[in-house]
Amino acid sequence: MKQFFGISQSGNLQEAVRGLSNPQLIMLLSNSEQFEEHVKKLQMLYPNIPSIGCIGMSYDNRVVEKGVGVIAYLDGVTAAANVLEQVSTMPVKYIGRLEKDVLQVNASQDNTICIDFCSGNDACVLTTIHSVLKHRNISLVGGTGDAGKVSANGKVYEDAVAYALIKNNTGRVKAYKENIYHQLGNYRFIASKTDKSKYLLGELNGMSAKLVYQQILRVSEQEILTQTFKNPLGKLNGNDTCIISIKEVSGNGLTCFRQVNDSDVLMLLELGDYKDIVRKTIQQIQADFPRISAVFSVNCLFRYLLFTDNNYMQEYLDEMRVLGDHVGLVGYGEHYNNQFVNQSMTCVVFE
């Protein structure tokens, strides 16, 4: 199989797809001003080709912040693309579409991945999708786009998740998740006074969540939103930790980018040696895949800002290029199988 990546920093779609012929699947990563125009034009240029899209930055060894990026798969790929609607209330209503597509591509654990772009309510969406994928042990990688819009097969949707099933007919696929944070001290918290609809965390161990965070890290209220780059919260999920980013201060509580429920067990995290962690991820992938056709990743916006602030973003992209053809999306939340996480990197590797 092959992976194509074309860009236009100015948002010229024709320039971005130059040289792309006979794709089996297309993924569009556009800007908020031109997204709908790009969706329509892409459908005109490549009718009947499965496609999904969202608003967000893209990258290979460069970052496209406001233009357009096009990722496509060809030569040895079987794919299907579709959408689940009403994700804020009833995504399961459309689950038959995914069930049909899984059968259509004859998806299996070793050679198929589901990539999704979501407009919101991610945790519920992932639970819904996983209810189908789990029967064949198919992995999922994806993320949240901007502005509450996604596209599938030439149409723009709000309150929806667009997904693509990609079967590699020439080799294996495998999903990975990278966490550059570890536990800080022995802090353990029980969450309370939460509001699931607002992603609000009111109290930690019966005290103001805002004040607990401030007192432990010795930061002002104004510093909380940047401190979360170094010290997000973490939720225990079996042997795994789901990272929870802080979005804003709400009174004495904290609004997060991920839902927190009453009685959730939380911990405080701190930034690790991210350069070493990235190298170990690359080494693991190379050990698993002596031959790599392509890598698609989703990096959190907060990781992008952290790496940029520390003059590491370009070095990071150069390091990932050691794997070969690496492209991706800067997302507002990352998806890994049935997990919705923040400040992480998830990726799929195609043999």
Protein backbone atom coordinates (compact mmCIF):
# COMPACT_ATOMS: atom_id res chain seq x y z
CA MET A 1 0.00 0.00 0.00
CA LYS A 2 0.96 3.64 -0.37
CA GLN A 3 0.18 6.80 1.58
CA PHE A 4 -0.12 10.15 -0.20
CA PHE A 5 0.18 13.52 1.50
CA GLY A 6 -0.33 16.80 -0.31
CA ILE A 7 -0.54 20.29 1.12
CA SER A 8 -1.25 23.90 0.30
CA GLN A 9 -0.31 26.46 2.92
CA SER A 10 -2.62 28.93 1.15
CA GLY A 11 -5.61 26.56 1.11
CA ASN A 12 -5.51 25.74 -2.61
CA LEU A 13 -7.06 22.26 -2.80
CA GLN A 14 -6.03 21.76 -6.42
CA GLU A 15 -2.43 22.27 -5.37
CA ALA A 16 -2.78 19.86 -2.44
CA VAL A 17 -4.05 16.96 -4.59
CA ARG A 18 -1.53 17.45 -7.39
CA GLY A 19 -0.21 14.04 -8.38
CA LEU A 20 -2.96 12.07 -6.62
CA SER A 21 -4.55 9.47 -8.89
CA ASN A 22 -6.62 6.36 -8.24
CA PRO A 23 -6.95 6.73 -4.45
CA GLN A 24 -8.96 4.17 -2.50
CA LEU A 25 -9.58 6.53 0.45
CA ILE A 26 -9.08 10.27 1.05
CA MET A 27 -8.87 12.20 4.34
CA LEU A 28 -9.26 15.98 4.22
CA LEU A 29 -7.76 18.24 6.90
CA SER A 30 -8.83 21.81 6.23
CA ASN A 31 -9.32 25.23 7.82
CA SER A 32 -12.58 26.62 9.20
CA GLU A 33 -13.04 29.23 6.46
CA GLN A 34 -12.64 26.86 3.50
CA PHE A 35 -13.76 23.52 4.92
CA GLU A 36 -17.16 23.28 3.25
CA GLU A 37 -15.77 24.56 -0.05
CA HIS A 38 -12.97 21.98 0.08
CA VAL A 39 -15.40 19.14 0.87
CA LYS A 40 -17.49 19.96 -2.21
CA LYS A 41 -14.50 20.40 -4.49
CA LEU A 42 -12.86 17.18 -3.32
CA GLN A 43 -16.05 15.29 -4.14
CA MET A 44 -16.07 16.80 -7.62
CA LEU A 45 -12.42 15.88 -8.22
CA TYR A 46 -12.75 12.32 -6.87
CA PRO A 47 -16.39 11.20 -7.17
CA ASN A 48 -17.29 7.83 -5.68
CA ILE A 49 -14.05 7.68 -3.65
CA PRO A 50 -14.69 7.15 0.09
CA SER A 51 -13.60 10.20 2.09
CA ILE A 52 -13.72 11.72 5.55
CA GLY A 53 -12.61 15.14 6.74
CA CYS A 54 -12.41 17.60 9.60
CA ILE A 55 -11.09 21.04 10.49
CA GLY A 56 -7.59 20.86 11.87
CA MET A 57 -3.87 21.25 11.32
CA SER A 58 -1.95 18.54 9.48
CA TYR A 59 1.70 17.60 9.14
CA ASP A 60 4.39 15.42 7.64
CA ASN A 61 7.82 16.96 8.15
CA ARG A 62 6.05 20.34 8.01
CA VAL A 63 2.98 21.66 9.81
CA VAL A 64 0.04 23.08 7.87
CA GLU A 65 -1.64 25.47 10.30
CA LYS A 66 -4.23 27.30 8.19
CA GLY A 67 -4.12 25.80 4.71
CA VAL A 68 -5.22 22.33 3.63
CA GLY A 69 -3.75 18.86 3.84
CA VAL A 70 -4.89 15.78 1.95
CA ILE A 71 -4.00 12.23 3.02
CA ALA A 72 -4.87 9.36 0.72
CA TYR A 73 -4.35 5.60 0.60
CA LEU A 74 -3.88 3.62 -2.58
CA ASP A 75 -2.34 0.52 -4.15
CA GLY A 76 -3.54 -2.38 -2.05
CA VAL A 77 -6.23 -0.88 0.14
CA THR A 78 -9.90 -1.74 0.62
CA ALA A 79 -11.82 1.06 2.34
CA ALA A 80 -15.24 2.32 3.33
CA ALA A 81 -16.26 5.69 4.82
CA ASN A 82 -19.44 6.78 6.53
CA VAL A 83 -20.88 8.81 9.40
CA LEU A 84 -22.79 8.29 12.64
CA GLU A 85 -25.12 11.22 13.30
CA GLN A 86 -26.73 12.69 16.44
CA VAL A 87 -23.64 11.84 18.51
CA SER A 88 -24.73 14.11 21.36
CA THR A 89 -27.93 12.14 21.86
CA MET A 90 -28.21 8.86 19.94
CA PRO A 91 -25.23 7.71 17.81
CA VAL A 92 -26.30 4.08 18.24
CA LYS A 93 -29.29 4.86 15.97
CA TYR A 94 -26.88 4.73 13.01
CA ILE A 95 -24.76 1.77 14.09
CA GLY A 96 -26.07 -0.35 11.23
CA ARG A 97 -23.92 1.70 8.84
CA LEU A 98 -20.74 0.64 10.63
CA GLU A 99 -21.86 -2.97 10.85
CA LYS A 100 -22.47 -3.01 7.09
CA ASP A 101 -19.11 -1.40 6.32
CA VAL A 102 -17.22 -3.89 8.50
CA LEU A 103 -18.75 -6.68 6.44
CA GLN A 104 -18.12 -4.85 3.17
CA VAL A 105 -14.37 -4.55 3.67
CA ASN A 106 -14.19 -7.98 5.36
CA ALA A 107 -12.38 -6.33 8.25
CA SER A 108 -10.11 -8.34 10.53
CA GLN A 109 -7.88 -7.70 13.53
CA ASP A 110 -4.50 -8.03 11.81
CA ASN A 111 -5.03 -5.88 8.73
CA THR A 112 -7.83 -3.36 9.38
CA ILE A 113 -7.97 -0.05 11.26
CA CYS A 114 -10.83 2.34 11.93
CA ILE A 115 -9.88 6.04 11.75
CA ASP A 116 -12.45 8.53 13.02
CA PHE A 117 -12.91 12.30 13.11
CA CYS A 118 -15.42 13.44 15.74
CA SER A 119 -17.29 16.67 16.43
CA GLY A 120 -17.82 16.00 20.16
CA ASN A 121 -19.27 13.70 22.86
CA ASP A 122 -16.26 11.51 22.18
CA ALA A 123 -16.57 9.05 25.06
CA CYS A 124 -20.11 8.05 24.05
CA VAL A 125 -19.10 7.86 20.39
CA LEU A 126 -16.18 5.55 21.12
CA THR A 127 -18.31 3.26 23.27
CA THR A 128 -20.81 3.02 20.41
CA ILE A 129 -18.20 2.30 17.74
CA HIS A 130 -16.38 -0.17 19.97
CA SER A 131 -19.58 -2.17 20.39
CA VAL A 132 -19.14 -3.20 16.74
CA LEU A 133 -15.35 -3.27 16.37
CA LYS A 134 -14.78 -5.41 19.46
CA HIS A 135 -16.38 -8.46 17.82
CA ARG A 136 -13.47 -8.60 15.35
CA ASN A 137 -10.86 -6.99 17.64
CA ILE A 138 -10.41 -4.09 15.21
CA SER A 139 -8.41 -1.17 16.57
CA LEU A 140 -9.35 2.50 16.29
CA VAL A 141 -7.29 5.69 16.08
CA GLY A 142 -8.78 9.16 15.70
CA GLY A 143 -9.44 12.55 17.18
CA THR A 144 -11.68 15.56 17.59
CA GLY A 145 -11.76 18.23 14.89
CA ASP A 146 -12.46 21.92 15.32
CA ALA A 147 -15.69 23.92 14.96
CA GLY A 148 -18.04 20.97 15.51
CA LYS A 149 -17.99 19.84 11.86
CA VAL A 150 -16.86 16.72 10.03
CA SER A 151 -17.36 15.41 6.52
CA ALA A 152 -18.01 12.06 4.92
CA ASN A 153 -18.27 11.26 1.22
CA GLY A 154 -18.69 14.85 0.10
CA LYS A 155 -21.18 16.03 2.73
CA VAL A 156 -20.62 18.19 5.81
CA TYR A 157 -22.17 17.11 9.12
CA GLU A 158 -22.52 18.67 12.56
CA ASP A 159 -23.00 16.63 15.73
CA ALA A 160 -21.49 13.58 14.04
CA VAL A 161 -18.50 11.29 13.77
CA ALA A 162 -17.01 10.44 10.39
CA TYR A 163 -15.15 7.15 10.18
CA ALA A 164 -13.10 5.21 7.67
CA LEU A 165 -12.36 1.51 7.71
CA ILE A 166 -9.04 0.85 6.00
CA LYS A 167 -7.95 -2.70 5.17
CA ASN A 168 -4.31 -3.18 4.25
CA ASN A 169 -4.29 -5.93 1.62
CA THR A 170 -0.49 -6.18 1.65
CA GLY A 171 0.31 -6.49 5.35
CA ARG A 172 -0.56 -5.88 8.98
CA VAL A 173 -1.77 -2.81 10.86
CA LYS A 174 -1.30 -1.91 14.52
CA ALA A 175 -2.41 0.98 16.74
CA TYR A 176 -0.23 2.67 19.37
CA LYS A 177 -0.69 5.27 22.12
CA GLU A 178 2.08 7.42 23.57
CA ASN A 179 1.91 9.00 27.04
CA ILE A 180 4.65 11.47 27.99
CA TYR A 181 3.35 11.94 31.57
CA HIS A 182 3.73 9.97 34.81
CA GLN A 183 2.31 10.25 38.29
CA LEU A 184 3.41 13.14 40.49
CA GLY A 185 3.95 12.06 44.08
CA ASN A 186 1.37 9.85 45.72
CA TYR A 187 -1.61 12.14 45.24
CA ARG A 188 -4.94 10.32 44.87
CA PHE A 189 -8.24 12.13 44.55
CA ILE A 190 -11.90 11.19 44.53
CA ALA A 191 -13.82 13.45 42.15
CA SER A 192 -17.12 14.97 43.29
CA LYS A 193 -19.56 17.76 42.41
CA THR A 194 -19.02 17.00 38.73
CA ASP A 195 -21.27 18.05 35.85
CA LYS A 196 -20.91 15.59 33.00
CA SER A 197 -22.65 17.85 30.49
CA LYS A 198 -20.20 20.69 31.16
CA TYR A 199 -17.11 18.49 31.80
CA LEU A 200 -16.92 20.23 35.17
CA LEU A 201 -14.82 18.94 38.07
CA GLY A 202 -16.02 20.64 41.25
CA GLU A 203 -14.12 19.00 44.10
CA LEU A 204 -11.15 16.74 44.78
CA ASN A 205 -11.37 14.85 48.08
CA GLY A 206 -14.16 17.19 49.14
CA MET A 207 -12.19 20.39 48.53
CA SER A 208 -12.29 22.96 45.74
CA ALA A 209 -10.63 21.39 42.68
CA LYS A 210 -9.14 24.74 41.70
CA LEU A 211 -7.62 25.36 45.13
CA VAL A 212 -6.25 21.80 45.43
CA TYR A 213 -4.51 22.16 42.06
CA GLN A 214 -3.14 25.60 42.97
CA GLN A 215 -1.89 24.61 46.41
CA ILE A 216 -0.05 21.47 45.28
CA LEU A 217 1.65 23.14 42.32
CA ARG A 218 1.94 26.61 43.88
CA VAL A 219 0.50 28.42 40.88
CA SER A 220 -1.86 31.35 40.56
CA GLU A 221 -5.33 31.00 39.07
CA GLN A 222 -4.07 32.68 35.89
CA GLU A 223 -1.28 30.09 35.53
CA ILE A 224 -3.53 27.02 35.69
CA LEU A 225 -4.31 26.92 31.96
CA THR A 226 -0.64 26.79 30.97
CA GLN A 227 0.40 24.62 33.92
CA THR A 228 -1.82 21.83 32.56
CA PHE A 229 0.76 21.39 29.75
CA LYS A 230 3.17 20.15 32.45
CA ASN A 231 0.70 18.84 35.03
CA PRO A 232 -2.56 17.47 33.68
CA LEU A 233 -4.84 15.24 35.71
CA GLY A 234 -5.02 11.52 35.12
CA LYS A 235 -7.84 9.01 35.49
CA LEU A 236 -7.06 5.41 36.41
CA ASN A 237 -8.42 2.97 33.84
CA GLY A 238 -7.29 -0.50 34.89
CA ASN A 239 -3.52 -0.52 34.44
CA ASP A 240 -3.70 2.47 32.11
CA THR A 241 -3.98 6.21 32.79
CA CYS A 242 -6.21 8.47 30.71
CA ILE A 243 -4.88 12.03 30.62
CA ILE A 244 -7.34 14.84 31.40
CA SER A 245 -6.47 18.39 30.31
CA ILE A 246 -7.79 21.44 32.11
CA LYS A 247 -9.73 23.78 29.83
CA GLU A 248 -10.64 26.66 32.12
CA VAL A 249 -11.37 27.73 35.68
CA SER A 250 -15.08 27.72 36.59
CA GLY A 251 -15.65 29.34 39.97
CA ASN A 252 -13.98 27.03 42.47
CA GLY A 253 -13.97 24.17 40.00
CA LEU A 254 -12.16 23.19 36.82
CA THR A 255 -13.68 22.58 33.40
CA CYS A 256 -11.83 19.82 31.57
CA PHE A 257 -11.53 18.63 27.97
CA ARG A 258 -12.64 15.16 29.04
CA GLN A 259 -15.62 14.07 31.09
CA VAL A 260 -15.07 13.39 34.78
CA ASN A 261 -17.67 11.58 36.88
CA ASP A 262 -18.41 11.55 40.60
CA SER A 263 -16.27 8.94 42.40
CA ASP A 264 -13.68 8.75 39.60
CA VAL A 265 -10.21 8.11 41.03
CA LEU A 266 -7.84 10.80 39.76
CA MET A 267 -4.15 11.53 40.16
CA LEU A 268 -1.87 14.43 39.36
CA LEU A 269 0.60 13.90 36.51
CA GLU A 270 3.88 15.52 35.56
CA LEU A 271 5.77 15.79 32.29
CA GLY A 272 8.42 13.15 31.74
CA ASP A 273 11.49 13.05 29.48
CA TYR A 274 9.40 13.35 26.34
CA LYS A 275 12.37 13.15 23.96
CA ASP A 276 13.37 9.80 25.42
CA ILE A 277 9.76 8.57 25.42
CA VAL A 278 9.38 9.46 21.72
CA ARG A 279 12.59 7.57 20.90
CA LYS A 280 11.34 4.50 22.78
CA THR A 281 8.02 4.63 20.89
CA ILE A 282 9.90 4.73 17.59
CA GLN A 283 12.12 1.83 18.66
CA GLN A 284 9.06 -0.23 19.65
CA ILE A 285 7.39 0.40 16.30
CA GLN A 286 10.57 -0.52 14.43
CA ALA A 287 10.84 -3.74 16.43
CA ASP A 288 7.23 -4.62 15.61
CA PHE A 289 7.45 -3.63 11.94
CA PRO A 290 10.72 -4.24 10.06
CA ARG A 291 8.91 -3.03 6.91
CA ILE A 292 6.65 0.03 7.18
CA SER A 293 4.48 1.40 4.38
CA ALA A 294 2.92 4.31 6.27
CA VAL A 295 2.22 5.87 9.66
CA PHE A 296 -0.78 8.08 10.48
CA SER A 297 -0.83 9.82 13.85
CA VAL A 298 -2.99 12.18 15.88
CA ASN A 299 -1.12 14.59 18.16
CA CYS A 300 -2.97 16.64 20.74
CA LEU A 301 -3.04 20.41 20.28
CA PHE A 302 -1.53 20.75 23.77
CA ARG A 303 1.37 18.48 22.77
CA TYR A 304 1.86 20.62 19.67
CA LEU A 305 1.92 23.78 21.81
CA LEU A 306 4.24 22.19 24.38
CA PHE A 307 6.66 20.95 21.71
CA THR A 308 6.53 24.29 19.90
CA ASP A 309 7.18 26.28 23.09
CA ASN A 310 10.20 24.08 23.77
CA ASN A 311 11.51 24.33 20.18
CA TYR A 312 11.03 20.58 19.75
CA MET A 313 8.21 20.30 17.19
CA GLN A 314 10.42 20.22 14.10
CA GLU A 315 12.83 17.81 15.77
CA TYR A 316 9.86 15.61 16.69
CA LEU A 317 8.62 15.47 13.10
CA ASP A 318 12.15 14.72 11.88
CA GLU A 319 12.47 11.91 14.43
CA MET A 320 9.16 10.35 13.36
CA ARG A 321 10.28 10.43 9.73
CA VAL A 322 12.78 7.72 10.66
CA LEU A 323 9.78 5.38 10.47
CA GLY A 324 9.21 6.35 6.85
CA ASP A 325 6.09 8.01 5.48
CA HIS A 326 4.61 9.72 8.57
CA VAL A 327 1.65 12.13 8.41
CA GLY A 328 -1.03 13.22 10.81
CA LEU A 329 -3.57 15.51 12.43
CA VAL A 330 -3.33 17.94 15.34
CA GLY A 331 -6.49 17.10 17.28
CA TYR A 332 -8.48 18.46 20.22
CA GLY A 333 -8.70 15.03 21.82
CA GLU A 334 -7.26 11.67 20.90
CA HIS A 335 -8.96 8.33 20.38
CA TYR A 336 -7.37 4.94 21.03
CA ASN A 337 -9.72 1.98 20.69
CA ASN A 338 -12.51 2.82 23.16
CA GLN A 339 -10.48 5.44 25.08
CA PHE A 340 -10.86 9.22 24.80
CA VAL A 341 -7.66 10.85 26.07
CA ASN A 342 -5.98 14.27 26.13
CA GLN A 343 -2.38 15.44 25.64
CA SER A 344 -1.45 12.14 23.97
CA MET A 345 -0.34 10.77 20.61
CA THR A 346 -2.13 7.89 18.97
CA CYS A 347 -1.08 6.35 15.69
CA VAL A 348 -1.59 3.46 13.29
CA VAL A 349 1.26 1.75 11.50
CA PHE A 350 0.72 0.02 8.17
CA GLU A 351 3.10 -2.76 7.17
